[in-house]
Amino acid sequence: MAPLRAFIMSLSLLLGAVPARAEGTSVPFGSFKADPTLPVEVVSESLDVNQADGSAEFIGKVVVTQGQMRLSADRVLVIYDQEAKGIERLEAEGNVLLVNGPEAAAEADRADYTIDSGIVILTGNVLLTQGPSTLASNRATVNLVSGTASMEGRVKTILRTEQN
């Protein structure tokens, strides 16, 4: 009976601290709230600029930083808005790692980051780590402005009891 009680207590604490939604699981993502108006810095091995479509392709050990947020990938495509006054979105592929502060990170095959909204959509083998907790899913939507993430598609986590 004690292990069942510990499981129910752990589950109620998890669900009490993290509001669940029917379409997925919502969790906190980092203690820092992002500011999408901050400058974006990109470092890579190579750069190819396409003036015709207003994009820039960064390839090889790409690291994108904006305030406390860091996004790394094998390849990042930067798409500028129509007036070329700023970045509209980033498309990252290959070994994607999104970090928001010292305690939150997510891995995925792909990430699409819309700068103005602060929304990052991670797809393919998503693994989200927040402190000692780890969740896996097919897709995650991270809101860097609010500091939350929503997990969708076969969400998996391990609930720890006091005994383990």
C-alpha atoms as a PDB file:
ATOM      1  CA  MET A   1       0.000   0.000   0.000  1.00  0.00           C
ATOM      2  CA  ALA A   2       2.878   2.406   0.763  1.00  0.00           C
ATOM      3  CA  PRO A   3       4.360   2.231  -2.784  1.00  0.00           C
ATOM      4  CA  LEU A   4       0.916   2.923  -4.257  1.00  0.00           C
ATOM      5  CA  ARG A   5       0.429   5.865  -1.905  1.00  0.00           C
ATOM      6  CA  ALA A   6       3.878   7.226  -2.862  1.00  0.00           C
ATOM      7  CA  PHE A   7       3.027   6.867  -6.563  1.00  0.00           C
ATOM      8  CA  ILE A   8      -0.321   8.645  -6.146  1.00  0.00           C
ATOM      9  CA  MET A   9       1.348  11.375  -4.059  1.00  0.00           C
ATOM     10  CA  SER A  10       4.080  11.844  -6.685  1.00  0.00           C
ATOM     11  CA  LEU A  11       1.510  11.928  -9.462  1.00  0.00           C
ATOM     12  CA  SER A  12      -0.689  14.452  -7.649  1.00  0.00           C
ATOM     13  CA  LEU A  13       2.329  16.666  -6.907  1.00  0.00           C
ATOM     14  CA  LEU A  14       3.393  16.517 -10.533  1.00  0.00           C
ATOM     15  CA  LEU A  15      -0.084  17.277 -11.839  1.00  0.00           C
ATOM     16  CA  GLY A  16      -0.659  19.931  -9.192  1.00  0.00           C
ATOM     17  CA  ALA A  17       2.506  21.792 -10.110  1.00  0.00           C
ATOM     18  CA  VAL A  18       2.110  21.265 -13.839  1.00  0.00           C
ATOM     19  CA  PRO A  19      -1.297  21.810 -15.404  1.00  0.00           C
ATOM     20  CA  ALA A  20      -2.119  18.952 -17.789  1.00  0.00           C
ATOM     21  CA  ARG A  21      -4.048  19.440 -21.020  1.00  0.00           C
ATOM     22  CA  ALA A  22      -5.923  16.883 -23.040  1.00  0.00           C
ATOM     23  CA  GLU A  23      -3.676  17.214 -26.087  1.00  0.00           C
ATOM     24  CA  GLY A  24      -0.366  16.969 -24.221  1.00  0.00           C
ATOM     25  CA  THR A  25       1.589  17.626 -21.082  1.00  0.00           C
ATOM     26  CA  SER A  26       2.619  21.145 -20.052  1.00  0.00           C
ATOM     27  CA  VAL A  27       5.787  21.600 -18.019  1.00  0.00           C
ATOM     28  CA  PRO A  28       7.994  24.491 -16.890  1.00  0.00           C
ATOM     29  CA  PHE A  29      11.026  25.138 -19.094  1.00  0.00           C
ATOM     30  CA  GLY A  30      13.810  27.045 -17.384  1.00  0.00           C
ATOM     31  CA  SER A  31      13.741  29.795 -14.810  1.00  0.00           C
ATOM     32  CA  PHE A  32      14.560  32.540 -17.325  1.00  0.00           C
ATOM     33  CA  LYS A  33      11.918  34.246 -19.389  1.00  0.00           C
ATOM     34  CA  ALA A  34      13.258  35.141 -22.829  1.00  0.00           C
ATOM     35  CA  ASP A  35      13.142  38.552 -24.414  1.00  0.00           C
ATOM     36  CA  PRO A  36      12.607  38.106 -28.170  1.00  0.00           C
ATOM     37  CA  THR A  37      13.696  41.704 -28.783  1.00  0.00           C
ATOM     38  CA  LEU A  38      17.292  40.941 -27.762  1.00  0.00           C
ATOM     39  CA  PRO A  39      19.890  40.587 -30.525  1.00  0.00           C
ATOM     40  CA  VAL A  40      20.506  37.131 -31.997  1.00  0.00           C
ATOM     41  CA  GLU A  41      24.121  35.990 -32.360  1.00  0.00           C
ATOM     42  CA  VAL A  42      25.010  33.095 -34.675  1.00  0.00           C
ATOM     43  CA  VAL A  43      28.384  31.328 -34.863  1.00  0.00           C
ATOM     44  CA  SER A  44      29.135  28.549 -37.391  1.00  0.00           C
ATOM     45  CA  GLU A  45      31.776  26.926 -39.568  1.00  0.00           C
ATOM     46  CA  SER A  46      30.319  28.365 -42.802  1.00  0.00           C
ATOM     47  CA  LEU A  47      27.675  30.790 -44.048  1.00  0.00           C
ATOM     48  CA  ASP A  48      25.777  30.986 -47.344  1.00  0.00           C
ATOM     49  CA  VAL A  49      23.589  34.070 -47.907  1.00  0.00           C
ATOM     50  CA  ASN A  50      20.751  33.974 -50.460  1.00  0.00           C
ATOM     51  CA  GLN A  51      19.759  37.537 -51.398  1.00  0.00           C
ATOM     52  CA  ALA A  52      16.923  36.302 -53.643  1.00  0.00           C
ATOM     53  CA  ASP A  53      14.848  34.711 -50.893  1.00  0.00           C
ATOM     54  CA  GLY A  54      16.208  36.636 -47.890  1.00  0.00           C
ATOM     55  CA  SER A  55      17.786  33.735 -46.040  1.00  0.00           C
ATOM     56  CA  ALA A  56      21.139  32.776 -44.597  1.00  0.00           C
ATOM     57  CA  GLU A  57      22.270  29.173 -44.105  1.00  0.00           C
ATOM     58  CA  PHE A  58      24.727  28.474 -41.290  1.00  0.00           C
ATOM     59  CA  ILE A  59      26.398  25.054 -41.402  1.00  0.00           C
ATOM     60  CA  GLY A  60      28.708  23.220 -39.001  1.00  0.00           C
ATOM     61  CA  LYS A  61      28.650  23.460 -35.204  1.00  0.00           C
ATOM     62  CA  VAL A  62      26.075  26.242 -35.287  1.00  0.00           C
ATOM     63  CA  VAL A  63      25.404  28.050 -32.008  1.00  0.00           C
ATOM     64  CA  VAL A  64      22.642  30.642 -31.751  1.00  0.00           C
ATOM     65  CA  THR A  65      22.348  32.769 -28.610  1.00  0.00           C
ATOM     66  CA  GLN A  66      19.729  35.272 -27.544  1.00  0.00           C
ATOM     67  CA  GLY A  67      19.972  36.385 -23.950  1.00  0.00           C
ATOM     68  CA  GLN A  68      19.988  33.253 -21.746  1.00  0.00           C
ATOM     69  CA  MET A  69      18.696  31.021 -24.577  1.00  0.00           C
ATOM     70  CA  ARG A  70      21.162  28.925 -26.567  1.00  0.00           C
ATOM     71  CA  LEU A  71      20.286  26.801 -29.604  1.00  0.00           C
ATOM     72  CA  SER A  72      22.861  24.576 -31.273  1.00  0.00           C
ATOM     73  CA  ALA A  73      22.537  22.368 -34.367  1.00  0.00           C
ATOM     74  CA  ASP A  74      24.384  21.010 -37.377  1.00  0.00           C
ATOM     75  CA  ARG A  75      22.546  23.434 -39.684  1.00  0.00           C
ATOM     76  CA  VAL A  76      20.467  26.573 -39.113  1.00  0.00           C
ATOM     77  CA  LEU A  77      18.527  28.451 -41.767  1.00  0.00           C
ATOM     78  CA  VAL A  78      17.817  32.083 -40.831  1.00  0.00           C
ATOM     79  CA  ILE A  79      14.819  33.581 -42.617  1.00  0.00           C
ATOM     80  CA  TYR A  80      14.474  37.348 -42.597  1.00  0.00           C
ATOM     81  CA  ASP A  81      11.164  39.222 -42.673  1.00  0.00           C
ATOM     82  CA  GLN A  82       9.927  40.752 -45.944  1.00  0.00           C
ATOM     83  CA  GLU A  83      11.406  44.177 -45.206  1.00  0.00           C
ATOM     84  CA  ALA A  84      14.732  42.594 -44.116  1.00  0.00           C
ATOM     85  CA  LYS A  85      14.558  44.603 -40.903  1.00  0.00           C
ATOM     86  CA  GLY A  86      15.036  41.568 -38.701  1.00  0.00           C
ATOM     87  CA  ILE A  87      14.895  37.821 -38.330  1.00  0.00           C
ATOM     88  CA  GLU A  88      11.492  36.224 -38.800  1.00  0.00           C
ATOM     89  CA  ARG A  89      12.400  32.658 -37.849  1.00  0.00           C
ATOM     90  CA  LEU A  90      15.143  30.066 -37.499  1.00  0.00           C
ATOM     91  CA  GLU A  91      14.981  26.488 -38.768  1.00  0.00           C
ATOM     92  CA  ALA A  92      17.517  24.195 -37.071  1.00  0.00           C
ATOM     93  CA  GLU A  93      18.277  20.604 -38.117  1.00  0.00           C
ATOM     94  CA  GLY A  94      20.550  17.842 -36.874  1.00  0.00           C
ATOM     95  CA  ASN A  95      21.587  17.304 -33.253  1.00  0.00           C
ATOM     96  CA  VAL A  96      19.409  20.174 -32.045  1.00  0.00           C
ATOM     97  CA  LEU A  97      19.956  21.282 -28.447  1.00  0.00           C
ATOM     98  CA  LEU A  98      17.895  24.086 -26.876  1.00  0.00           C
ATOM     99  CA  VAL A  99      19.056  25.408 -23.499  1.00  0.00           C
ATOM    100  CA  ASN A 100      17.238  27.996 -21.399  1.00  0.00           C
ATOM    101  CA  GLY A 101      19.288  28.841 -18.314  1.00  0.00           C
ATOM    102  CA  PRO A 102      21.296  26.340 -16.298  1.00  0.00           C
ATOM    103  CA  GLU A 103      18.529  23.826 -15.519  1.00  0.00           C
ATOM    104  CA  ALA A 104      16.432  23.364 -18.676  1.00  0.00           C
ATOM    105  CA  ALA A 105      17.437  21.691 -21.929  1.00  0.00           C
ATOM    106  CA  ALA A 106      15.742  19.942 -24.821  1.00  0.00           C
ATOM    107  CA  GLU A 107      17.128  17.737 -27.589  1.00  0.00           C
ATOM    108  CA  ALA A 108      15.410  17.045 -30.917  1.00  0.00           C
ATOM    109  CA  ASP A 109      15.971  16.297 -34.584  1.00  0.00           C
ATOM    110  CA  ARG A 110      14.552  19.676 -35.647  1.00  0.00           C
ATOM    111  CA  ALA A 111      13.570  23.059 -34.178  1.00  0.00           C
ATOM    112  CA  ASP A 112      11.580  25.922 -35.677  1.00  0.00           C
ATOM    113  CA  TYR A 113      11.940  29.174 -33.715  1.00  0.00           C
ATOM    114  CA  THR A 114       9.625  32.102 -34.464  1.00  0.00           C
ATOM    115  CA  ILE A 115      11.496  35.082 -33.038  1.00  0.00           C
ATOM    116  CA  ASP A 116       8.648  37.563 -32.414  1.00  0.00           C
ATOM    117  CA  SER A 117       6.525  35.097 -30.432  1.00  0.00           C
ATOM    118  CA  GLY A 118       9.399  33.353 -28.640  1.00  0.00           C
ATOM    119  CA  ILE A 119       7.924  29.965 -29.646  1.00  0.00           C
ATOM    120  CA  VAL A 120      10.205  27.038 -30.493  1.00  0.00           C
ATOM    121  CA  ILE A 121       8.632  23.900 -31.961  1.00  0.00           C
ATOM    122  CA  LEU A 122      10.831  20.823 -31.503  1.00  0.00           C
ATOM    123  CA  THR A 123      10.107  17.683 -33.497  1.00  0.00           C
ATOM    124  CA  GLY A 124      11.586  14.214 -33.782  1.00  0.00           C
ATOM    125  CA  ASN A 125      12.890  12.288 -30.770  1.00  0.00           C
ATOM    126  CA  VAL A 126      12.291  15.137 -28.327  1.00  0.00           C
ATOM    127  CA  LEU A 127      13.951  14.752 -24.929  1.00  0.00           C
ATOM    128  CA  LEU A 128      13.298  17.504 -22.387  1.00  0.00           C
ATOM    129  CA  THR A 129      15.293  17.766 -19.154  1.00  0.00           C
ATOM    130  CA  GLN A 130      14.287  20.063 -16.290  1.00  0.00           C
ATOM    131  CA  GLY A 131      16.475  19.520 -13.227  1.00  0.00           C
ATOM    132  CA  PRO A 132      16.190  15.812 -12.316  1.00  0.00           C
ATOM    133  CA  SER A 133      13.072  15.281 -14.447  1.00  0.00           C
ATOM    134  CA  THR A 134      13.166  13.951 -18.003  1.00  0.00           C
ATOM    135  CA  LEU A 135      10.317  13.723 -20.498  1.00  0.00           C
ATOM    136  CA  ALA A 136      10.312  12.261 -24.005  1.00  0.00           C
ATOM    137  CA  SER A 137       7.816  12.838 -26.816  1.00  0.00           C
ATOM    138  CA  ASN A 138       7.412  13.245 -30.564  1.00  0.00           C
ATOM    139  CA  ARG A 139       6.870  17.016 -30.386  1.00  0.00           C
ATOM    140  CA  ALA A 140       7.334  19.859 -27.920  1.00  0.00           C
ATOM    141  CA  THR A 141       6.271  23.474 -28.125  1.00  0.00           C
ATOM    142  CA  VAL A 142       8.484  25.689 -25.967  1.00  0.00           C
ATOM    143  CA  ASN A 143       7.337  29.197 -25.100  1.00  0.00           C
ATOM    144  CA  LEU A 144      10.544  30.999 -24.132  1.00  0.00           C
ATOM    145  CA  VAL A 145       8.624  34.127 -23.086  1.00  0.00           C
ATOM    146  CA  SER A 146       6.453  32.326 -20.513  1.00  0.00           C
ATOM    147  CA  GLY A 147       9.067  29.682 -19.663  1.00  0.00           C
ATOM    148  CA  THR A 148       6.790  26.719 -20.382  1.00  0.00           C
ATOM    149  CA  ALA A 149       6.773  23.724 -22.699  1.00  0.00           C
ATOM    150  CA  SER A 150       3.944  21.557 -23.976  1.00  0.00           C
ATOM    151  CA  MET A 151       4.734  17.929 -24.831  1.00  0.00           C
ATOM    152  CA  GLU A 152       2.673  16.045 -27.422  1.00  0.00           C
ATOM    153  CA  GLY A 153       2.687  12.629 -29.036  1.00  0.00           C
ATOM    154  CA  ARG A 154       3.417   9.603 -26.896  1.00  0.00           C
ATOM    155  CA  VAL A 155       4.738  11.491 -23.856  1.00  0.00           C
ATOM    156  CA  LYS A 156       6.856   9.400 -21.517  1.00  0.00           C
ATOM    157  CA  THR A 157       8.263  10.218 -18.092  1.00  0.00           C
ATOM    158  CA  ILE A 158       9.425   8.368 -15.008  1.00  0.00           C
ATOM    159  CA  LEU A 159       7.922   9.392 -11.681  1.00  0.00           C
ATOM    160  CA  ARG A 160      10.296   8.950  -8.781  1.00  0.00           C
ATOM    161  CA  THR A 161       9.163   8.009  -5.302  1.00  0.00           C
ATOM    162  CA  GLU A 162      10.937   8.779  -2.041  1.00  0.00           C
ATOM    163  CA  GLN A 163      12.427   5.249  -2.013  1.00  0.00           C
ATOM    164  CA  ASN A 164      14.284   5.645  -5.347  1.00  0.00           C
END
